[in-house]
PDB file of N, CA and C in Angstrom:
ATOM      1  N   UNK A   1     -84.306  48.637 -85.005  1.00  0.00           N
ATOM      2  CA  UNK A   1     -83.829  49.050 -83.708  1.00  0.00           C
ATOM      3  C   UNK A   1     -84.654  49.657 -82.546  1.00  0.00           C
ATOM      4  N   UNK A   2     -84.229  49.251 -81.729  1.00  0.00           N
ATOM      5  CA  UNK A   2     -85.018  50.277 -80.577  1.00  0.00           C
ATOM      6  C   UNK A   2     -83.793  51.342 -80.182  1.00  0.00           C
ATOM      7  N   UNK A   3     -85.164  52.395 -79.454  1.00  0.00           N
ATOM      8  CA  UNK A   3     -85.620  53.956 -79.546  1.00  0.00           C
ATOM      9  C   UNK A   3     -84.408  53.869 -78.519  1.00  0.00           C
ATOM     10  N   UNK A   4     -84.833  53.339 -78.076  1.00  0.00           N
ATOM     11  CA  UNK A   4     -83.763  53.472 -76.121  1.00  0.00           C
ATOM     12  C   UNK A   4     -82.193  52.797 -77.056  1.00  0.00           C
ATOM     13  N   UNK A   5     -81.751  52.220 -77.646  1.00  0.00           N
ATOM     14  CA  UNK A   5     -80.080  51.930 -77.824  1.00  0.00           C
ATOM     15  C   UNK A   5     -79.333  52.850 -78.289  1.00  0.00           C
ATOM     16  N   UNK A   6     -79.950  54.074 -79.523  1.00  0.00           N
ATOM     17  CA  UNK A   6     -79.129  55.343 -79.023  1.00  0.00           C
ATOM     18  C   UNK A   6     -78.298  56.149 -77.837  1.00  0.00           C
ATOM     19  N   UNK A   7     -79.541  55.942 -76.611  1.00  0.00           N
ATOM     20  CA  UNK A   7     -79.276  56.800 -76.017  1.00  0.00           C
ATOM     21  C   UNK A   7     -78.641  56.686 -74.999  1.00  0.00           C
ATOM     22  N   UNK A   8     -78.849  55.263 -74.947  1.00  0.00           N
ATOM     23  CA  UNK A   8     -77.095  54.353 -74.331  1.00  0.00           C
ATOM     24  C   UNK A   8     -76.225  54.513 -74.515  1.00  0.00           C
ATOM     25  N   UNK A   9     -76.093  54.066 -75.941  1.00  0.00           N
ATOM     26  CA  UNK A   9     -75.116  54.608 -76.645  1.00  0.00           C
ATOM     27  C   UNK A   9     -74.173  55.699 -76.577  1.00  0.00           C
ATOM     28  N   UNK A  10     -75.038  57.130 -76.399  1.00  0.00           N
ATOM     29  CA  UNK A  10     -75.233  58.394 -76.562  1.00  0.00           C
ATOM     30  C   UNK A  10     -73.909  58.665 -74.747  1.00  0.00           C
ATOM     31  N   UNK A  11     -74.565  58.379 -74.745  1.00  0.00           N
ATOM     32  CA  UNK A  11     -74.455  57.863 -72.848  1.00  0.00           C
ATOM     33  C   UNK A  11     -73.366  57.387 -72.375  1.00  0.00           C
ATOM     34  N   UNK A  12     -72.525  56.451 -72.555  1.00  0.00           N
ATOM     35  CA  UNK A  12     -71.661  55.943 -72.433  1.00  0.00           C
ATOM     36  C   UNK A  12     -70.354  56.125 -73.323  1.00  0.00           C
ATOM     37  N   UNK A  13     -70.660  56.921 -74.494  1.00  0.00           N
ATOM     38  CA  UNK A  13     -69.539  57.615 -75.639  1.00  0.00           C
ATOM     39  C   UNK A  13     -69.320  59.268 -74.255  1.00  0.00           C
ATOM     40  N   UNK A  14     -70.428  59.470 -73.823  1.00  0.00           N
ATOM     41  CA  UNK A  14     -70.307  60.877 -73.166  1.00  0.00           C
ATOM     42  C   UNK A  14     -69.272  60.582 -71.727  1.00  0.00           C
ATOM     43  N   UNK A  15     -69.556  59.233 -71.140  1.00  0.00           N
ATOM     44  CA  UNK A  15     -68.985  58.998 -69.977  1.00  0.00           C
ATOM     45  C   UNK A  15     -67.219  59.305 -70.524  1.00  0.00           C
ATOM     46  N   UNK A  16     -67.342  58.371 -71.193  1.00  0.00           N
ATOM     47  CA  UNK A  16     -66.167  57.936 -71.561  1.00  0.00           C
ATOM     48  C   UNK A  16     -65.421  59.101 -71.966  1.00  0.00           C
ATOM     49  N   UNK A  17     -65.912  59.792 -71.955  1.00  0.00           N
ATOM     50  CA  UNK A  17     -65.491  60.692 -72.661  1.00  0.00           C
ATOM     51  C   UNK A  17     -64.988  62.133 -71.256  1.00  0.00           C
ATOM     52  N   UNK A  18     -65.688  62.376 -70.466  1.00  0.00           N
ATOM     53  CA  UNK A  18     -65.838  62.814 -69.327  1.00  0.00           C
ATOM     54  C   UNK A  18     -64.492  62.382 -68.647  1.00  0.00           C
ATOM     55  N   UNK A  19     -64.708  60.941 -68.544  1.00  0.00           N
ATOM     56  CA  UNK A  19     -63.446  60.159 -68.301  1.00  0.00           C
ATOM     57  C   UNK A  19     -62.205  60.983 -69.013  1.00  0.00           C
ATOM     58  N   UNK A  20     -62.244  60.805 -70.218  1.00  0.00           N
ATOM     59  CA  UNK A  20     -60.289  61.242 -70.266  1.00  0.00           C
ATOM     60  C   UNK A  20     -60.293  61.874 -70.536  1.00  0.00           C
ATOM     61  N   UNK A  21     -61.196  63.681 -70.573  1.00  0.00           N
ATOM     62  CA  UNK A  21     -61.204  64.878 -70.333  1.00  0.00           C
ATOM     63  C   UNK A  21     -60.515  65.293 -68.898  1.00  0.00           C
ATOM     64  N   UNK A  22     -61.295  64.879 -67.213  1.00  0.00           N
ATOM     65  CA  UNK A  22     -60.873  65.105 -66.359  1.00  0.00           C
ATOM     66  C   UNK A  22     -58.862  64.150 -65.708  1.00  0.00           C
ATOM     67  N   UNK A  23     -58.841  62.762 -66.477  1.00  0.00           N
ATOM     68  CA  UNK A  23     -57.261  62.024 -66.709  1.00  0.00           C
ATOM     69  C   UNK A  23     -56.373  63.241 -67.183  1.00  0.00           C
ATOM     70  N   UNK A  24     -56.904  64.170 -68.433  1.00  0.00           N
ATOM     71  CA  UNK A  24     -55.959  64.295 -69.095  1.00  0.00           C
ATOM     72  C   UNK A  24     -55.740  65.690 -68.395  1.00  0.00           C
ATOM     73  N   UNK A  25     -56.343  66.788 -67.569  1.00  0.00           N
ATOM     74  CA  UNK A  25     -56.231  67.654 -66.604  1.00  0.00           C
ATOM     75  C   UNK A  25     -55.539  67.415 -65.582  1.00  0.00           C
ATOM     76  N   UNK A  26     -55.389  66.691 -65.206  1.00  0.00           N
ATOM     77  CA  UNK A  26     -54.508  66.082 -63.967  1.00  0.00           C
ATOM     78  C   UNK A  26     -53.126  65.301 -63.440  1.00  0.00           C
ATOM     79  N   UNK A  27     -52.616  66.370 -63.008  1.00  0.00           N
ATOM     80  CA  UNK A  27     -50.894  66.585 -62.974  1.00  0.00           C
ATOM     81  C   UNK A  27     -50.538  65.263 -62.882  1.00  0.00           C
ATOM     82  N   UNK A  28     -49.276  64.863 -63.456  1.00  0.00           N
ATOM     83  CA  UNK A  28     -48.834  64.053 -63.903  1.00  0.00           C
ATOM     84  C   UNK A  28     -47.556  63.760 -63.912  1.00  0.00           C
ATOM     85  N   UNK A  29     -46.737  62.654 -63.312  1.00  0.00           N
ATOM     86  CA  UNK A  29     -45.402  62.401 -63.009  1.00  0.00           C
ATOM     87  C   UNK A  29     -44.815  61.098 -63.128  1.00  0.00           C
ATOM     88  N   UNK A  30     -43.417  61.580 -63.096  1.00  0.00           N
ATOM     89  CA  UNK A  30     -42.819  60.478 -63.698  1.00  0.00           C
ATOM     90  C   UNK A  30     -41.840  59.976 -62.674  1.00  0.00           C
ATOM     91  N   UNK A  31     -41.514  58.205 -62.572  1.00  0.00           N
ATOM     92  CA  UNK A  31     -40.783  57.365 -61.522  1.00  0.00           C
ATOM     93  C   UNK A  31     -40.080  56.756 -62.490  1.00  0.00           C
ATOM     94  N   UNK A  32     -38.589  55.907 -62.332  1.00  0.00           N
ATOM     95  CA  UNK A  32     -37.793  55.142 -64.044  1.00  0.00           C
ATOM     96  C   UNK A  32     -37.094  54.290 -62.747  1.00  0.00           C
ATOM     97  N   UNK A  33     -37.907  53.083 -62.948  1.00  0.00           N
ATOM     98  CA  UNK A  33     -36.822  52.345 -62.319  1.00  0.00           C
ATOM     99  C   UNK A  33     -35.520  51.520 -62.816  1.00  0.00           C
ATOM    100  N   UNK A  34     -33.882  52.282 -62.496  1.00  0.00           N
ATOM    101  CA  UNK A  34     -33.188  51.825 -63.032  1.00  0.00           C
ATOM    102  C   UNK A  34     -31.788  51.523 -62.206  1.00  0.00           C
ATOM    103  N   UNK A  35     -31.540  50.465 -62.980  1.00  0.00           N
ATOM    104  CA  UNK A  35     -30.495  49.330 -61.815  1.00  0.00           C
ATOM    105  C   UNK A  35     -30.497  49.236 -60.653  1.00  0.00           C
ATOM    106  N   UNK A  36     -32.007  49.324 -60.431  1.00  0.00           N
ATOM    107  CA  UNK A  36     -32.999  48.305 -58.845  1.00  0.00           C
ATOM    108  C   UNK A  36     -32.707  49.686 -58.273  1.00  0.00           C
ATOM    109  N   UNK A  37     -33.331  50.966 -58.696  1.00  0.00           N
ATOM    110  CA  UNK A  37     -33.170  52.548 -58.064  1.00  0.00           C
ATOM    111  C   UNK A  37     -34.394  53.368 -58.548  1.00  0.00           C
ATOM    112  N   UNK A  38     -35.543  53.884 -58.034  1.00  0.00           N
ATOM    113  CA  UNK A  38     -36.395  54.363 -58.548  1.00  0.00           C
ATOM    114  C   UNK A  38     -35.948  55.849 -58.208  1.00  0.00           C
ATOM    115  N   UNK A  39     -35.832  56.869 -59.310  1.00  0.00           N
ATOM    116  CA  UNK A  39     -35.065  57.750 -59.697  1.00  0.00           C
ATOM    117  C   UNK A  39     -36.654  59.168 -60.268  1.00  0.00           C
ATOM    118  N   UNK A  40     -36.885  59.786 -59.504  1.00  0.00           N
ATOM    119  CA  UNK A  40     -35.823  60.324 -58.349  1.00  0.00           C
ATOM    120  C   UNK A  40     -36.512  59.338 -56.912  1.00  0.00           C
ATOM    121  N   UNK A  41     -35.639  59.221 -56.217  1.00  0.00           N
ATOM    122  CA  UNK A  41     -35.902  58.919 -54.976  1.00  0.00           C
ATOM    123  C   UNK A  41     -36.755  59.286 -53.583  1.00  0.00           C
ATOM    124  N   UNK A  42     -37.025  60.789 -54.273  1.00  0.00           N
ATOM    125  CA  UNK A  42     -37.666  61.439 -53.548  1.00  0.00           C
ATOM    126  C   UNK A  42     -38.870  61.957 -54.464  1.00  0.00           C
ATOM    127  N   UNK A  43     -40.323  62.513 -54.644  1.00  0.00           N
ATOM    128  CA  UNK A  43     -41.062  62.506 -55.726  1.00  0.00           C
ATOM    129  C   UNK A  43     -42.207  63.281 -54.554  1.00  0.00           C
ATOM    130  N   UNK A  44     -41.871  65.157 -55.446  1.00  0.00           N
ATOM    131  CA  UNK A  44     -42.739  65.662 -54.890  1.00  0.00           C
ATOM    132  C   UNK A  44     -43.897  65.959 -55.428  1.00  0.00           C
ATOM    133  N   UNK A  45     -45.611  65.946 -54.654  1.00  0.00           N
ATOM    134  CA  UNK A  45     -46.512  65.809 -55.572  1.00  0.00           C
ATOM    135  C   UNK A  45     -47.470  66.888 -54.866  1.00  0.00           C
ATOM    136  N   UNK A  46     -48.763  67.450 -55.476  1.00  0.00           N
ATOM    137  CA  UNK A  46     -49.110  68.511 -54.402  1.00  0.00           C
ATOM    138  C   UNK A  46     -50.282  67.892 -53.555  1.00  0.00           C
ATOM    139  N   UNK A  47     -50.391  68.345 -52.315  1.00  0.00           N
ATOM    140  CA  UNK A  47     -51.198  67.537 -51.462  1.00  0.00           C
ATOM    141  C   UNK A  47     -52.455  68.267 -51.141  1.00  0.00           C
ATOM    142  N   UNK A  48     -53.935  66.694 -51.241  1.00  0.00           N
ATOM    143  CA  UNK A  48     -54.670  66.965 -51.632  1.00  0.00           C
ATOM    144  C   UNK A  48     -55.279  67.395 -53.246  1.00  0.00           C
ATOM    145  N   UNK A  49     -54.741  66.359 -53.854  1.00  0.00           N
ATOM    146  CA  UNK A  49     -55.027  66.767 -55.330  1.00  0.00           C
ATOM    147  C   UNK A  49     -54.706  65.035 -55.997  1.00  0.00           C
ATOM    148  N   UNK A  50     -55.390  64.640 -56.585  1.00  0.00           N
ATOM    149  CA  UNK A  50     -55.131  63.440 -57.451  1.00  0.00           C
ATOM    150  C   UNK A  50     -54.294  63.830 -58.453  1.00  0.00           C
ATOM    151  N   UNK A  51     -53.731  62.413 -59.171  1.00  0.00           N
ATOM    152  CA  UNK A  51     -52.543  63.236 -59.722  1.00  0.00           C
ATOM    153  C   UNK A  51     -52.029  61.542 -60.551  1.00  0.00           C
ATOM    154  N   UNK A  52     -51.322  61.250 -61.696  1.00  0.00           N
ATOM    155  CA  UNK A  52     -51.339  59.988 -62.436  1.00  0.00           C
ATOM    156  C   UNK A  52     -50.098  60.066 -61.520  1.00  0.00           C
ATOM    157  N   UNK A  53     -49.548  58.851 -61.309  1.00  0.00           N
ATOM    158  CA  UNK A  53     -48.169  58.665 -62.032  1.00  0.00           C
ATOM    159  C   UNK A  53     -47.750  57.683 -62.825  1.00  0.00           C
ATOM    160  N   UNK A  54     -46.884  58.283 -63.956  1.00  0.00           N
ATOM    161  CA  UNK A  54     -46.126  57.368 -64.890  1.00  0.00           C
ATOM    162  C   UNK A  54     -44.680  55.990 -63.597  1.00  0.00           C
ATOM    163  N   UNK A  55     -44.852  55.418 -63.425  1.00  0.00           N
ATOM    164  CA  UNK A  55     -43.840  54.323 -63.217  1.00  0.00           C
ATOM    165  C   UNK A  55     -43.102  53.855 -64.475  1.00  0.00           C
ATOM    166  N   UNK A  56     -41.967  53.635 -65.178  1.00  0.00           N
ATOM    167  CA  UNK A  56     -41.105  52.932 -66.164  1.00  0.00           C
ATOM    168  C   UNK A  56     -39.901  52.330 -65.321  1.00  0.00           C
ATOM    169  N   UNK A  57     -39.992  50.910 -65.982  1.00  0.00           N
ATOM    170  CA  UNK A  57     -39.104  50.048 -65.330  1.00  0.00           C
ATOM    171  C   UNK A  57     -38.143  49.730 -66.494  1.00  0.00           C
ATOM    172  N   UNK A  58     -36.733  50.439 -66.385  1.00  0.00           N
ATOM    173  CA  UNK A  58     -35.340  50.286 -67.401  1.00  0.00           C
ATOM    174  C   UNK A  58     -34.943  49.255 -66.909  1.00  0.00           C
ATOM    175  N   UNK A  59     -35.356  48.203 -66.086  1.00  0.00           N
ATOM    176  CA  UNK A  59     -34.520  47.550 -66.045  1.00  0.00           C
ATOM    177  C   UNK A  59     -34.659  46.298 -66.689  1.00  0.00           C
ATOM    178  N   UNK A  60     -34.146  44.895 -67.033  1.00  0.00           N
ATOM    179  CA  UNK A  60     -34.344  43.870 -67.683  1.00  0.00           C
ATOM    180  C   UNK A  60     -35.452  42.805 -66.716  1.00  0.00           C
ATOM    181  N   UNK A  61     -35.748  43.117 -65.714  1.00  0.00           N
ATOM    182  CA  UNK A  61     -36.257  41.886 -64.397  1.00  0.00           C
ATOM    183  C   UNK A  61     -37.580  42.426 -64.273  1.00  0.00           C
ATOM    184  N   UNK A  62     -38.830  42.228 -64.008  1.00  0.00           N
ATOM    185  CA  UNK A  62     -40.210  42.735 -63.700  1.00  0.00           C
ATOM    186  C   UNK A  62     -39.947  43.589 -62.053  1.00  0.00           C
ATOM    187  N   UNK A  63     -40.719  44.396 -62.110  1.00  0.00           N
ATOM    188  CA  UNK A  63     -40.798  45.261 -60.336  1.00  0.00           C
ATOM    189  C   UNK A  63     -42.111  45.446 -60.398  1.00  0.00           C
ATOM    190  N   UNK A  64     -42.749  45.506 -58.941  1.00  0.00           N
ATOM    191  CA  UNK A  64     -43.799  45.516 -58.594  1.00  0.00           C
ATOM    192  C   UNK A  64     -43.334  46.657 -57.913  1.00  0.00           C
ATOM    193  N   UNK A  65     -44.022  48.426 -58.456  1.00  0.00           N
ATOM    194  CA  UNK A  65     -44.545  49.893 -57.767  1.00  0.00           C
ATOM    195  C   UNK A  65     -45.422  48.850 -56.491  1.00  0.00           C
ATOM    196  N   UNK A  66     -44.920  49.486 -55.454  1.00  0.00           N
ATOM    197  CA  UNK A  66     -45.991  48.867 -54.790  1.00  0.00           C
ATOM    198  C   UNK A  66     -45.998  49.697 -52.937  1.00  0.00           C
ATOM    199  N   UNK A  67     -47.453  50.412 -52.348  1.00  0.00           N
ATOM    200  CA  UNK A  67     -46.724  51.371 -51.650  1.00  0.00           C
ATOM    201  C   UNK A  67     -48.443  51.195 -50.501  1.00  0.00           C
ATOM    202  N   UNK A  68     -48.181  50.504 -49.454  1.00  0.00           N
ATOM    203  CA  UNK A  68     -48.673  50.763 -48.624  1.00  0.00           C
ATOM    204  C   UNK A  68     -49.455  51.527 -47.857  1.00  0.00           C
ATOM    205  N   UNK A  69     -48.536  52.390 -47.936  1.00  0.00           N
ATOM    206  CA  UNK A  69     -49.186  53.907 -47.507  1.00  0.00           C
ATOM    207  C   UNK A  69     -50.015  54.694 -48.182  1.00  0.00           C
ATOM    208  N   UNK A  70     -50.065  54.176 -49.805  1.00  0.00           N
ATOM    209  CA  UNK A  70     -51.101  54.955 -49.752  1.00  0.00           C
ATOM    210  C   UNK A  70     -51.923  53.811 -50.755  1.00  0.00           C
ATOM    211  N   UNK A  71     -51.509  52.267 -50.410  1.00  0.00           N
ATOM    212  CA  UNK A  71     -52.913  51.249 -51.156  1.00  0.00           C
ATOM    213  C   UNK A  71     -52.478  50.964 -52.560  1.00  0.00           C
ATOM    214  N   UNK A  72     -51.585  51.168 -52.682  1.00  0.00           N
ATOM    215  CA  UNK A  72     -51.066  50.530 -54.446  1.00  0.00           C
ATOM    216  C   UNK A  72     -50.317  49.609 -54.934  1.00  0.00           C
ATOM    217  N   UNK A  73     -50.569  48.217 -55.802  1.00  0.00           N
ATOM    218  CA  UNK A  73     -49.798  47.843 -56.217  1.00  0.00           C
ATOM    219  C   UNK A  73     -50.302  47.515 -57.197  1.00  0.00           C
ATOM    220  N   UNK A  74     -48.840  47.597 -57.923  1.00  0.00           N
ATOM    221  CA  UNK A  74     -49.030  47.262 -59.446  1.00  0.00           C
ATOM    222  C   UNK A  74     -47.747  46.235 -59.933  1.00  0.00           C
ATOM    223  N   UNK A  75     -47.759  45.820 -61.000  1.00  0.00           N
ATOM    224  CA  UNK A  75     -46.850  44.766 -61.367  1.00  0.00           C
ATOM    225  C   UNK A  75     -46.204  45.918 -62.783  1.00  0.00           C
ATOM    226  N   UNK A  76     -44.814  46.236 -62.750  1.00  0.00           N
ATOM    227  CA  UNK A  76     -44.715  46.322 -64.206  1.00  0.00           C
ATOM    228  C   UNK A  76     -43.408  45.897 -65.161  1.00  0.00           C
ATOM    229  N   UNK A  77     -43.783  45.250 -65.869  1.00  0.00           N
ATOM    230  CA  UNK A  77     -42.641  44.741 -66.908  1.00  0.00           C
ATOM    231  C   UNK A  77     -41.010  45.369 -67.143  1.00  0.00           C
ATOM    232  N   UNK A  78     -40.284  44.904 -67.509  1.00  0.00           N
ATOM    233  CA  UNK A  78     -39.523  45.465 -67.911  1.00  0.00           C
ATOM    234  C   UNK A  78     -39.392  46.052 -69.501  1.00  0.00           C
ATOM    235  N   UNK A  79     -38.752  47.482 -69.501  1.00  0.00           N
ATOM    236  CA  UNK A  79     -39.071  47.926 -70.588  1.00  0.00           C
ATOM    237  C   UNK A  79     -40.566  48.567 -71.478  1.00  0.00           C
ATOM    238  N   UNK A  80     -41.390  49.139 -69.723  1.00  0.00           N
ATOM    239  CA  UNK A  80     -42.436  48.887 -70.027  1.00  0.00           C
ATOM    240  C   UNK A  80     -43.052  50.301 -68.962  1.00  0.00           C
ATOM    241  N   UNK A  81     -44.354  50.541 -69.217  1.00  0.00           N
ATOM    242  CA  UNK A  81     -44.569  51.863 -67.974  1.00  0.00           C
ATOM    243  C   UNK A  81     -45.796  51.481 -68.006  1.00  0.00           C
ATOM    244  N   UNK A  82     -46.192  52.153 -66.616  1.00  0.00           N
ATOM    245  CA  UNK A  82     -47.596  51.511 -65.739  1.00  0.00           C
ATOM    246  C   UNK A  82     -48.319  53.220 -65.389  1.00  0.00           C
ATOM    247  N   UNK A  83     -49.489  53.064 -65.845  1.00  0.00           N
ATOM    248  CA  UNK A  83     -49.695  54.028 -65.026  1.00  0.00           C
ATOM    249  C   UNK A  83     -50.791  54.231 -63.430  1.00  0.00           C
ATOM    250  N   UNK A  84     -50.301  54.914 -62.254  1.00  0.00           N
ATOM    251  CA  UNK A  84     -51.041  54.175 -61.005  1.00  0.00           C
ATOM    252  C   UNK A  84     -51.592  56.046 -60.650  1.00  0.00           C
ATOM    253  N   UNK A  85     -52.825  55.851 -60.612  1.00  0.00           N
ATOM    254  CA  UNK A  85     -53.731  57.165 -59.902  1.00  0.00           C
ATOM    255  C   UNK A  85     -53.518  57.183 -58.221  1.00  0.00           C
ATOM    256  N   UNK A  86     -52.983  58.457 -57.998  1.00  0.00           N
ATOM    257  CA  UNK A  86     -53.016  58.293 -56.579  1.00  0.00           C
ATOM    258  C   UNK A  86     -53.864  59.645 -56.067  1.00  0.00           C
ATOM    259  N   UNK A  87     -54.054  59.769 -54.874  1.00  0.00           N
ATOM    260  CA  UNK A  87     -54.858  60.800 -54.169  1.00  0.00           C
ATOM    261  C   UNK A  87     -56.402  60.898 -54.000  1.00  0.00           C
ATOM    262  N   UNK A  88     -56.414  61.729 -53.776  1.00  0.00           N
ATOM    263  CA  UNK A  88     -55.860  62.967 -53.165  1.00  0.00           C
ATOM    264  C   UNK A  88     -55.180  62.466 -51.996  1.00  0.00           C
ATOM    265  N   UNK A  89     -53.458  63.280 -51.191  1.00  0.00           N
ATOM    266  CA  UNK A  89     -52.640  62.787 -50.481  1.00  0.00           C
ATOM    267  C   UNK A  89     -52.782  64.156 -48.655  1.00  0.00           C
ATOM    268  N   UNK A  90     -53.036  64.099 -47.932  1.00  0.00           N
ATOM    269  CA  UNK A  90     -52.841  64.912 -47.211  1.00  0.00           C
ATOM    270  C   UNK A  90     -51.724  65.206 -46.930  1.00  0.00           C
ATOM    271  N   UNK A  91     -51.085  66.184 -46.692  1.00  0.00           N
ATOM    272  CA  UNK A  91     -49.551  66.216 -46.542  1.00  0.00           C
ATOM    273  C   UNK A  91     -48.908  65.594 -45.835  1.00  0.00           C
ATOM    274  N   UNK A  92     -47.706  65.193 -46.136  1.00  0.00           N
ATOM    275  CA  UNK A  92     -46.845  63.968 -45.389  1.00  0.00           C
ATOM    276  C   UNK A  92     -46.011  63.762 -46.188  1.00  0.00           C
ATOM    277  N   UNK A  93     -45.723  62.587 -46.189  1.00  0.00           N
ATOM    278  CA  UNK A  93     -44.304  61.272 -46.589  1.00  0.00           C
ATOM    279  C   UNK A  93     -44.740  59.781 -46.450  1.00  0.00           C
ATOM    280  N   UNK A  94     -44.886  59.638 -47.831  1.00  0.00           N
ATOM    281  CA  UNK A  94     -45.694  58.330 -47.589  1.00  0.00           C
ATOM    282  C   UNK A  94     -44.324  57.267 -49.027  1.00  0.00           C
ATOM    283  N   UNK A  95     -44.126  56.407 -48.178  1.00  0.00           N
ATOM    284  CA  UNK A  95     -43.185  55.201 -49.287  1.00  0.00           C
ATOM    285  C   UNK A  95     -43.727  54.647 -49.696  1.00  0.00           C
ATOM    286  N   UNK A  96     -42.921  53.794 -51.119  1.00  0.00           N
ATOM    287  CA  UNK A  96     -42.689  53.124 -51.836  1.00  0.00           C
ATOM    288  C   UNK A  96     -41.744  52.877 -52.063  1.00  0.00           C
ATOM    289  N   UNK A  97     -41.853  50.788 -53.136  1.00  0.00           N
ATOM    290  CA  UNK A  97     -40.912  50.136 -52.943  1.00  0.00           C
ATOM    291  C   UNK A  97     -41.352  48.995 -53.921  1.00  0.00           C
ATOM    292  N   UNK A  98     -40.286  48.817 -54.408  1.00  0.00           N
ATOM    293  CA  UNK A  98     -40.280  47.270 -55.097  1.00  0.00           C
ATOM    294  C   UNK A  98     -40.674  46.562 -54.541  1.00  0.00           C
ATOM    295  N   UNK A  99     -41.244  45.966 -54.752  1.00  0.00           N
ATOM    296  CA  UNK A  99     -41.630  44.232 -54.097  1.00  0.00           C
ATOM    297  C   UNK A  99     -41.452  43.473 -54.464  1.00  0.00           C
ATOM    298  N   UNK A 100     -40.652  43.395 -55.327  1.00  0.00           N
ATOM    299  CA  UNK A 100     -39.899  42.185 -55.766  1.00  0.00           C
ATOM    300  C   UNK A 100     -38.317  41.850 -55.328  1.00  0.00           C
ATOM    301  N   UNK A 101     -38.158  43.294 -55.383  1.00  0.00           N
ATOM    302  CA  UNK A 101     -36.466  43.672 -54.536  1.00  0.00           C
ATOM    303  C   UNK A 101     -36.576  45.108 -53.539  1.00  0.00           C
ATOM    304  N   UNK A 102     -37.044  43.927 -52.298  1.00  0.00           N
ATOM    305  CA  UNK A 102     -37.176  44.616 -51.328  1.00  0.00           C
ATOM    306  C   UNK A 102     -36.497  46.267 -50.835  1.00  0.00           C
ATOM    307  N   UNK A 103     -34.912  46.083 -51.262  1.00  0.00           N
ATOM    308  CA  UNK A 103     -34.029  47.460 -50.750  1.00  0.00           C
ATOM    309  C   UNK A 103     -34.235  48.063 -52.139  1.00  0.00           C
ATOM    310  N   UNK A 104     -35.625  48.312 -53.176  1.00  0.00           N
ATOM    311  CA  UNK A 104     -35.300  49.399 -53.706  1.00  0.00           C
ATOM    312  C   UNK A 104     -36.553  50.846 -53.560  1.00  0.00           C
ATOM    313  N   UNK A 105     -36.129  51.800 -52.291  1.00  0.00           N
ATOM    314  CA  UNK A 105     -37.557  51.782 -51.442  1.00  0.00           C
ATOM    315  C   UNK A 105     -37.533  53.489 -52.998  1.00  0.00           C
ATOM    316  N   UNK A 106     -38.828  54.083 -52.022  1.00  0.00           N
ATOM    317  CA  UNK A 106     -39.089  55.472 -53.167  1.00  0.00           C
ATOM    318  C   UNK A 106     -39.645  56.273 -51.395  1.00  0.00           C
ATOM    319  N   UNK A 107     -39.981  57.670 -51.629  1.00  0.00           N
ATOM    320  CA  UNK A 107     -40.691  58.006 -51.283  1.00  0.00           C
ATOM    321  C   UNK A 107     -41.811  59.493 -52.155  1.00  0.00           C
ATOM    322  N   UNK A 108     -42.789  59.402 -52.181  1.00  0.00           N
ATOM    323  CA  UNK A 108     -43.542  60.978 -52.206  1.00  0.00           C
ATOM    324  C   UNK A 108     -43.747  61.636 -51.174  1.00  0.00           C
ATOM    325  N   UNK A 109     -44.021  62.873 -51.111  1.00  0.00           N
ATOM    326  CA  UNK A 109     -44.226  63.952 -50.304  1.00  0.00           C
ATOM    327  C   UNK A 109     -44.764  65.060 -50.904  1.00  0.00           C
ATOM    328  N   UNK A 110     -46.198  65.169 -50.272  1.00  0.00           N
ATOM    329  CA  UNK A 110     -46.921  65.585 -51.006  1.00  0.00           C
ATOM    330  C   UNK A 110     -46.838  66.836 -49.542  1.00  0.00           C
ATOM    331  N   UNK A 111     -46.666  68.237 -50.490  1.00  0.00           N
ATOM    332  CA  UNK A 111     -46.761  69.731 -49.794  1.00  0.00           C
ATOM    333  C   UNK A 111     -47.925  69.873 -50.972  1.00  0.00           C
TER     334      UNK A 111
END
């Protein structure tokens, strides 16, 4: 066995542990898509802080969580949940929507 291999493996394990610890300490918020509406339609989040957003699709059809304001786009299959990392955002209002159902809209308010 090469002597450098355990060092590379240890470095990889430590990097994964550091990322997991950071994600675990990150603020977390939830949105639910139900009856082609976001619940809540307005979500308050901390400004200048990276956060994790869990988006659950309780509809029977796929949706696409999208925002051009904070540059995110991710498909949410029926009866499933996705994780979206957002921020840090400056104080303000940011719009998001379901790209597959354009009338389904919501707002993030960073305070």
